[in-house]
Amino acid sequence: MSPYLAELLGTMLLVLLGDGVVGNVVLHRTKGQNSGWIVITAGWAFGVTIAVYAVGSISGAHLNPAVTIGMASIGKFPWANVPGYIAAQLVGGVLGGVLVWLAYLPHWGATDDQAGKLAVFSTGPAIRHTGANLIAEIIGTFVLVLGILAVLSPANLVPGSDVAKGIGPALVGILIWSIGLSLGGTTGYAINPARDVGPRIAHAVLPIAGKGGSDWGYSWIPVAGPIVGGIAGALTYRALWSA
């Protein structure tokens, strides 16, 4: 399989399971309605884990422009491949959003809350404050990229073992869960432009009953914040592990 197709499919799977758990919690008359933040963070963590296992051996399972750009910024990924990876991730995000819409098709009309419908697809702040929201996304993605690189660093592996291939995706899932639990309450922890922009496009174009606007005025924050945080996390990793 092409690594670009793998990134598309992996991001689609990530969004399907991640946005799917949000739909289960916030949409009306689902089996999981009002089950809360712990369920959402766990669902996202498990979704990322499955997606990484699914395509990690093919593309490296970046599934996130912030990870791709961060890795390229320290020479761990070729810049020539960055545009293709990001395009694939964005398309995967849109397709994942479409699949979530289909999976919960009867529940959109049963739900009156426009903000809740948008929250299934994309993130939004608990308290709208541009500077604070941007900082929160930078910090969250800094932890994400630094954590991924550190967890999978040869320095943290048993010499001669393939433990990273076996449990690496699960450790990344734990990292996502930790970020969601500890840092996600401010902005919904996008920490991934494709995870936010792709499904937001799906929300904008799909015929969702009573959906309201797609909040494009906020949408630059879950793009700019993760890119800055991802580069900072990668540079910090290089500084620490090359010292």
Protein backbone atom coordinates (compact mmCIF):
# COMPACT_ATOMS: atom_id res chain seq x y z
CA MET A 1 0.00 0.00 0.00
CA SER A 2 1.17 3.55 -0.72
CA PRO A 3 2.18 5.41 2.44
CA TYR A 4 -0.07 8.28 1.34
CA LEU A 5 -3.07 5.97 1.12
CA ALA A 6 -2.10 4.53 4.49
CA GLU A 7 -2.08 8.01 6.03
CA LEU A 8 -5.50 8.68 4.51
CA LEU A 9 -6.98 5.43 5.82
CA GLY A 10 -5.30 5.74 9.21
CA THR A 11 -6.55 9.29 9.74
CA MET A 12 -10.01 8.27 8.57
CA LEU A 13 -10.06 5.46 11.13
CA LEU A 14 -8.75 7.77 13.86
CA VAL A 15 -11.48 10.33 13.19
CA LEU A 16 -14.19 7.70 12.81
CA LEU A 17 -13.47 6.24 16.24
CA GLY A 18 -12.53 9.53 17.91
CA ASP A 19 -15.40 11.66 16.65
CA GLY A 20 -17.60 8.59 16.94
CA VAL A 21 -17.18 8.45 20.71
CA VAL A 22 -18.03 12.16 20.94
CA GLY A 23 -21.21 11.47 18.96
CA ASN A 24 -22.08 8.64 21.32
CA VAL A 25 -21.75 10.96 24.32
CA VAL A 26 -23.34 14.20 23.08
CA LEU A 27 -26.02 13.19 20.58
CA HIS A 28 -29.50 12.49 21.87
CA ARG A 29 -30.96 9.02 22.31
CA THR A 30 -27.68 7.15 21.84
CA LYS A 31 -26.76 4.31 24.21
CA GLY A 32 -23.88 6.40 25.54
CA GLN A 33 -25.55 9.79 25.92
CA ASN A 34 -24.11 11.88 28.77
CA SER A 35 -21.50 9.25 29.65
CA GLY A 36 -18.93 11.99 30.07
CA TRP A 37 -15.39 13.17 29.50
CA ILE A 38 -13.68 9.99 30.66
CA VAL A 39 -15.48 8.04 27.94
CA ILE A 40 -14.52 10.63 25.31
CA THR A 41 -10.83 10.65 26.26
CA ALA A 42 -10.72 6.85 26.44
CA GLY A 43 -12.44 6.52 23.06
CA TRP A 44 -9.96 8.89 21.45
CA ALA A 45 -7.01 7.07 23.03
CA PHE A 46 -8.22 3.69 21.85
CA GLY A 47 -9.04 5.08 18.41
CA VAL A 48 -5.54 6.45 17.96
CA THR A 49 -4.08 3.14 19.13
CA ILE A 50 -6.06 1.13 16.58
CA ALA A 51 -5.25 3.56 13.78
CA VAL A 52 -1.52 3.43 14.54
CA TYR A 53 -1.53 -0.36 14.62
CA ALA A 54 -3.43 -0.41 11.32
CA VAL A 55 -0.99 1.63 9.23
CA GLY A 56 2.13 2.16 11.31
CA SER A 57 4.20 -0.39 9.41
CA ILE A 58 3.28 1.24 6.09
CA SER A 59 3.51 4.99 6.63
CA GLY A 60 4.81 5.40 10.16
CA ALA A 61 1.27 6.44 11.17
CA HIS A 62 1.81 10.17 11.55
CA LEU A 63 -1.94 10.78 11.07
CA ASN A 64 -1.33 14.38 12.05
CA PRO A 65 0.28 17.31 10.18
CA ALA A 66 1.85 18.51 13.42
CA VAL A 67 3.67 15.19 13.79
CA THR A 68 4.73 15.19 10.13
CA ILE A 69 6.05 18.76 10.24
CA GLY A 70 7.67 18.23 13.63
CA MET A 71 9.54 15.16 12.43
CA ALA A 72 10.60 16.91 9.23
CA SER A 73 11.92 19.85 11.26
CA ILE A 74 14.50 17.61 12.95
CA GLY A 75 15.41 15.56 9.90
CA LYS A 76 13.42 12.44 10.78
CA PHE A 77 11.14 12.76 7.75
CA PRO A 78 11.83 14.15 4.25
CA TRP A 79 10.34 17.57 3.54
CA ALA A 80 9.52 16.44 0.00
CA ASN A 81 6.92 14.03 1.40
CA VAL A 82 5.30 16.52 3.79
CA PRO A 83 2.71 18.01 1.37
CA GLY A 84 1.49 14.58 0.28
CA TYR A 85 1.19 13.34 3.85
CA ILE A 86 -0.73 16.43 4.95
CA ALA A 87 -3.09 16.23 1.97
CA ALA A 88 -3.77 12.56 2.70
CA GLN A 89 -4.39 13.30 6.38
CA LEU A 90 -6.86 16.09 5.57
CA VAL A 91 -8.80 13.92 3.12
CA GLY A 92 -8.85 11.15 5.70
CA GLY A 93 -10.24 13.58 8.25
CA VAL A 94 -13.06 14.59 5.91
CA LEU A 95 -13.93 10.96 5.14
CA GLY A 96 -13.87 10.06 8.81
CA GLY A 97 -16.32 12.86 9.52
CA VAL A 98 -18.63 11.63 6.77
CA LEU A 99 -18.59 8.12 8.22
CA VAL A 100 -19.48 9.43 11.69
CA TRP A 101 -22.40 11.32 10.16
CA LEU A 102 -23.62 8.12 8.53
CA ALA A 103 -23.11 6.05 11.68
CA TYR A 104 -25.35 8.38 13.72
CA LEU A 105 -27.74 9.31 10.93
CA PRO A 106 -31.04 9.20 12.93
CA HIS A 107 -29.57 11.09 15.87
CA TRP A 108 -28.83 14.44 14.22
CA GLY A 109 -32.51 15.26 13.88
CA ALA A 110 -33.16 14.07 17.43
CA THR A 111 -30.53 16.50 18.79
CA ASP A 112 -31.41 20.19 19.19
CA ASP A 113 -28.01 21.37 20.42
CA GLN A 114 -26.14 22.95 17.48
CA ALA A 115 -22.91 23.31 19.49
CA GLY A 116 -23.09 19.65 20.43
CA LYS A 117 -23.45 18.62 16.80
CA LEU A 118 -20.41 20.68 15.83
CA ALA A 119 -18.47 19.21 18.78
CA VAL A 120 -18.87 15.76 17.27
CA PHE A 121 -16.81 16.92 14.29
CA SER A 122 -14.39 19.52 15.59
CA THR A 123 -13.06 21.15 18.73
CA GLY A 124 -14.08 24.33 20.48
CA PRO A 125 -12.96 26.12 23.63
CA ALA A 126 -14.66 25.81 27.00
CA ILE A 127 -13.89 29.51 27.52
CA ARG A 128 -13.25 31.45 24.30
CA HIS A 129 -9.98 33.34 24.74
CA THR A 130 -7.76 33.49 21.68
CA GLY A 131 -4.40 33.69 23.42
CA ALA A 132 -5.19 31.11 26.08
CA ASN A 133 -6.77 28.71 23.57
CA LEU A 134 -3.72 28.98 21.30
CA ILE A 135 -1.34 28.37 24.21
CA ALA A 136 -3.35 25.32 25.31
CA GLU A 137 -3.08 23.76 21.86
CA ILE A 138 0.64 24.54 21.68
CA ILE A 139 1.26 22.90 25.07
CA GLY A 140 -0.84 19.85 24.29
CA THR A 141 0.88 19.21 20.97
CA PHE A 142 4.30 19.88 22.47
CA VAL A 143 3.62 17.05 24.91
CA LEU A 144 2.27 14.86 22.11
CA VAL A 145 5.24 15.12 19.75
CA LEU A 146 7.89 15.08 22.47
CA GLY A 147 6.13 12.11 24.04
CA ILE A 148 5.88 10.14 20.80
CA LEU A 149 9.53 10.65 19.95
CA ALA A 150 10.65 9.87 23.51
CA VAL A 151 8.49 6.76 23.92
CA LEU A 152 9.76 5.32 20.63
CA SER A 153 13.36 6.49 21.12
CA PRO A 154 16.00 3.74 20.86
CA ALA A 155 17.33 4.98 24.18
CA ASN A 156 14.13 3.78 25.86
CA LEU A 157 14.12 0.33 24.24
CA VAL A 158 15.77 -2.90 25.25
CA PRO A 159 18.81 -3.29 22.97
CA GLY A 160 18.09 -5.59 20.05
CA SER A 161 14.35 -5.81 20.77
CA ASP A 162 11.37 -4.89 18.62
CA VAL A 163 9.27 -3.77 21.56
CA ALA A 164 8.43 -0.47 19.84
CA LYS A 165 6.66 -2.31 17.05
CA GLY A 166 4.71 -4.42 19.52
CA ILE A 167 3.58 -1.98 22.19
CA GLY A 168 4.53 1.38 20.68
CA PRO A 169 1.02 2.14 19.38
CA ALA A 170 -0.48 1.26 22.76
CA LEU A 171 1.96 3.61 24.47
CA VAL A 172 1.00 6.37 22.04
CA GLY A 173 -2.64 5.70 22.96
CA ILE A 174 -1.79 6.10 26.64
CA LEU A 175 -0.09 9.39 25.79
CA ILE A 176 -3.23 10.61 24.00
CA TRP A 177 -5.35 9.55 26.98
CA SER A 178 -3.05 11.41 29.37
CA ILE A 179 -3.19 14.60 27.30
CA GLY A 180 -6.97 14.41 27.10
CA LEU A 181 -7.41 13.85 30.82
CA SER A 182 -4.86 16.42 31.97
CA LEU A 183 -4.89 19.12 29.30
CA GLY A 184 -7.98 18.56 27.16
CA GLY A 185 -10.59 20.41 29.18
CA THR A 186 -9.71 23.85 27.82
CA THR A 187 -10.04 23.44 24.04
CA GLY A 188 -11.00 19.81 23.52
CA TYR A 189 -7.36 19.01 22.66
CA ALA A 190 -7.37 19.03 18.89
CA ILE A 191 -3.54 18.64 18.87
CA ASN A 192 -3.98 17.69 15.21
CA PRO A 193 -4.99 20.03 12.38
CA ALA A 194 -6.31 17.18 10.19
CA ARG A 195 -8.46 15.87 13.03
CA ASP A 196 -10.11 19.28 13.34
CA VAL A 197 -10.16 20.82 9.86
CA GLY A 198 -11.11 17.66 7.97
CA PRO A 199 -14.24 16.86 10.00
CA ARG A 200 -15.09 20.58 10.20
CA ILE A 201 -15.24 20.59 6.38
CA ALA A 202 -17.51 17.54 6.57
CA HIS A 203 -19.76 19.39 9.04
CA ALA A 204 -19.91 22.38 6.69
CA VAL A 205 -20.95 20.43 3.60
CA LEU A 206 -23.08 17.59 4.96
CA PRO A 207 -26.89 17.94 5.17
CA ILE A 208 -27.01 17.74 8.97
CA ALA A 209 -30.40 18.71 10.34
CA GLY A 210 -30.26 21.99 12.30
CA LYS A 211 -26.48 22.02 12.37
CA GLY A 212 -25.76 25.75 12.58
CA GLY A 213 -22.40 27.24 11.63
CA SER A 214 -19.03 25.51 11.53
CA ASP A 215 -17.19 28.17 13.60
CA TRP A 216 -14.51 28.91 11.02
CA GLY A 217 -13.43 31.94 13.05
CA TYR A 218 -11.95 29.60 15.64
CA SER A 219 -10.61 27.01 13.20
CA TRP A 220 -7.14 28.56 12.77
CA ILE A 221 -6.27 27.87 16.42
CA PRO A 222 -6.33 24.04 16.15
CA VAL A 223 -4.11 24.45 13.09
CA ALA A 224 -1.55 27.04 14.22
CA GLY A 225 -1.27 25.82 17.82
CA PRO A 226 -0.49 22.19 16.98
CA ILE A 227 2.04 23.11 14.29
CA VAL A 228 3.94 25.40 16.66
CA GLY A 229 3.70 22.89 19.50
CA GLY A 230 4.74 20.01 17.28
CA ILE A 231 7.87 21.77 16.07
CA ALA A 232 8.73 22.82 19.63
CA GLY A 233 8.26 19.26 20.89
CA ALA A 234 10.46 17.82 18.13
CA LEU A 235 13.20 20.40 18.69
CA THR A 236 13.12 19.73 22.44
CA TYR A 237 13.45 16.00 21.81
CA ARG A 238 16.47 16.58 19.57
CA ALA A 239 18.08 18.84 22.16
CA LEU A 240 17.58 16.33 24.97
CA TRP A 241 18.50 13.15 23.13
CA SER A 242 21.46 14.56 21.21
CA ALA A 243 23.01 16.21 24.23
